[in-house]
Amino acid sequence: MAVEAYVFIECEHAKSKEVLDNLLKIGGVKEARIVTGPYDLIALVAASNFKVLGDVVISKIQSINYVKRTLTNVIID
C-alpha cells in the first residue's frame, strides 16, 4: 500500500537552504519548501509502505546535518 506524508523539519539557525539542498536528493522526497512558522521546511514524502516511510524519515531525513527534529503527518485522504 502506497503512503504519503508531510514531514515538518526544524533546522539549526540559518541552515534551511543547506538542509533543503540535501533533502531534495533523497529518493521519495517529491517536493520540499522552506516555510515560516515553528518549522523551517515541509517535505512531501512518498513511500511504498509505512516501513519504508519510517526508514526514509529516520535513516535519511533525520541524518541530514543541521536537522534538529521532525514531525511526520501521514496523508489519509
C-alpha atoms as a PDB file:
ATOM      1  CA  MET A   1       0.000   0.000   0.000  1.00  0.00           C
ATOM      2  CA  ALA A   2       1.497   3.323  -1.067  1.00  0.00           C
ATOM      3  CA  VAL A   3       1.699   6.027   1.572  1.00  0.00           C
ATOM      4  CA  GLU A   4       2.467   9.750   1.539  1.00  0.00           C
ATOM      5  CA  ALA A   5       3.260  12.098   4.383  1.00  0.00           C
ATOM      6  CA  TYR A   6       4.159  15.683   5.073  1.00  0.00           C
ATOM      7  CA  VAL A   7       7.341  15.878   7.110  1.00  0.00           C
ATOM      8  CA  PHE A   8       7.870  19.100   9.061  1.00  0.00           C
ATOM      9  CA  ILE A   9      11.549  19.770   9.711  1.00  0.00           C
ATOM     10  CA  GLU A  10      13.231  22.045  12.241  1.00  0.00           C
ATOM     11  CA  CYS A  11      16.820  23.040  11.408  1.00  0.00           C
ATOM     12  CA  GLU A  12      19.747  24.722  13.081  1.00  0.00           C
ATOM     13  CA  HIS A  13      19.720  28.508  12.709  1.00  0.00           C
ATOM     14  CA  ALA A  14      20.467  29.760   9.151  1.00  0.00           C
ATOM     15  CA  LYS A  15      20.875  26.228   7.733  1.00  0.00           C
ATOM     16  CA  SER A  16      17.492  25.781   5.984  1.00  0.00           C
ATOM     17  CA  LYS A  17      18.852  26.169   2.440  1.00  0.00           C
ATOM     18  CA  GLU A  18      21.642  23.653   3.030  1.00  0.00           C
ATOM     19  CA  VAL A  19      19.177  21.160   4.525  1.00  0.00           C
ATOM     20  CA  LEU A  20      16.781  21.735   1.599  1.00  0.00           C
ATOM     21  CA  ASP A  21      19.508  21.025  -0.953  1.00  0.00           C
ATOM     22  CA  ASN A  22      20.305  17.694   0.736  1.00  0.00           C
ATOM     23  CA  LEU A  23      16.652  16.835   1.305  1.00  0.00           C
ATOM     24  CA  LEU A  24      15.826  17.108  -2.394  1.00  0.00           C
ATOM     25  CA  LYS A  25      18.473  14.437  -3.165  1.00  0.00           C
ATOM     26  CA  ILE A  26      16.627  11.784  -1.121  1.00  0.00           C
ATOM     27  CA  GLY A  27      14.562   9.215  -3.002  1.00  0.00           C
ATOM     28  CA  GLY A  28      10.889   9.519  -2.138  1.00  0.00           C
ATOM     29  CA  VAL A  29      11.004  13.249  -1.418  1.00  0.00           C
ATOM     30  CA  LYS A  30       8.544  14.533  -4.016  1.00  0.00           C
ATOM     31  CA  GLU A  31       8.650  18.176  -3.004  1.00  0.00           C
ATOM     32  CA  ALA A  32      10.142  20.340  -0.268  1.00  0.00           C
ATOM     33  CA  ARG A  33       9.900  24.015   0.609  1.00  0.00           C
ATOM     34  CA  ILE A  34      11.333  26.425   3.155  1.00  0.00           C
ATOM     35  CA  VAL A  35       8.463  27.891   5.202  1.00  0.00           C
ATOM     36  CA  THR A  36       7.784  30.296   8.038  1.00  0.00           C
ATOM     37  CA  GLY A  37       6.490  29.238  11.438  1.00  0.00           C
ATOM     38  CA  PRO A  38       7.719  26.800  14.068  1.00  0.00           C
ATOM     39  CA  TYR A  39       9.256  24.514  11.410  1.00  0.00           C
ATOM     40  CA  ASP A  40      11.761  25.565   8.764  1.00  0.00           C
ATOM     41  CA  LEU A  41      10.896  23.147   5.965  1.00  0.00           C
ATOM     42  CA  ILE A  42       7.987  20.987   4.861  1.00  0.00           C
ATOM     43  CA  ALA A  43       8.589  17.965   2.630  1.00  0.00           C
ATOM     44  CA  LEU A  44       6.124  15.732   0.807  1.00  0.00           C
ATOM     45  CA  VAL A  45       7.428  12.167   1.010  1.00  0.00           C
ATOM     46  CA  ALA A  46       6.071   9.124  -0.841  1.00  0.00           C
ATOM     47  CA  ALA A  47       6.877   5.511   0.013  1.00  0.00           C
ATOM     48  CA  SER A  48       5.621   2.050  -0.868  1.00  0.00           C
ATOM     49  CA  ASN A  49       4.567   1.317   2.742  1.00  0.00           C
ATOM     50  CA  PHE A  50       4.843   2.596   6.317  1.00  0.00           C
ATOM     51  CA  LYS A  51       8.119   0.774   7.000  1.00  0.00           C
ATOM     52  CA  VAL A  52       9.801   2.404   4.005  1.00  0.00           C
ATOM     53  CA  LEU A  53       8.370   5.781   5.031  1.00  0.00           C
ATOM     54  CA  GLY A  54       9.801   5.341   8.513  1.00  0.00           C
ATOM     55  CA  ASP A  55      13.184   4.377   7.080  1.00  0.00           C
ATOM     56  CA  VAL A  56      13.254   7.489   4.871  1.00  0.00           C
ATOM     57  CA  VAL A  57      12.397   9.769   7.785  1.00  0.00           C
ATOM     58  CA  ILE A  58      14.631   8.185  10.405  1.00  0.00           C
ATOM     59  CA  SER A  59      17.599   6.981   8.353  1.00  0.00           C
ATOM     60  CA  LYS A  60      17.758   9.677   5.709  1.00  0.00           C
ATOM     61  CA  ILE A  61      15.965  12.896   6.656  1.00  0.00           C
ATOM     62  CA  GLN A  62      16.894  12.921  10.341  1.00  0.00           C
ATOM     63  CA  SER A  63      20.513  12.151   9.489  1.00  0.00           C
ATOM     64  CA  ILE A  64      20.959  15.288   7.350  1.00  0.00           C
ATOM     65  CA  ASN A  65      23.392  17.690   9.007  1.00  0.00           C
ATOM     66  CA  TYR A  66      21.663  20.517  10.913  1.00  0.00           C
ATOM     67  CA  VAL A  67      18.259  18.777  11.202  1.00  0.00           C
ATOM     68  CA  LYS A  68      17.137  19.197  14.823  1.00  0.00           C
ATOM     69  CA  ARG A  69      13.783  17.388  14.759  1.00  0.00           C
ATOM     70  CA  THR A  70      10.978  16.204  12.511  1.00  0.00           C
ATOM     71  CA  LEU A  71       7.223  15.760  12.750  1.00  0.00           C
ATOM     72  CA  THR A  72       5.591  13.338  10.306  1.00  0.00           C
ATOM     73  CA  ASN A  73       1.938  13.708   9.278  1.00  0.00           C
ATOM     74  CA  VAL A  74       0.626  10.808   7.177  1.00  0.00           C
ATOM     75  CA  ILE A  75      -1.865  11.806   4.473  1.00  0.00           C
ATOM     76  CA  ILE A  76      -5.091   9.832   4.902  1.00  0.00           C
ATOM     77  CA  ASP A  77      -7.202  11.250   2.055  1.00  0.00           C
END
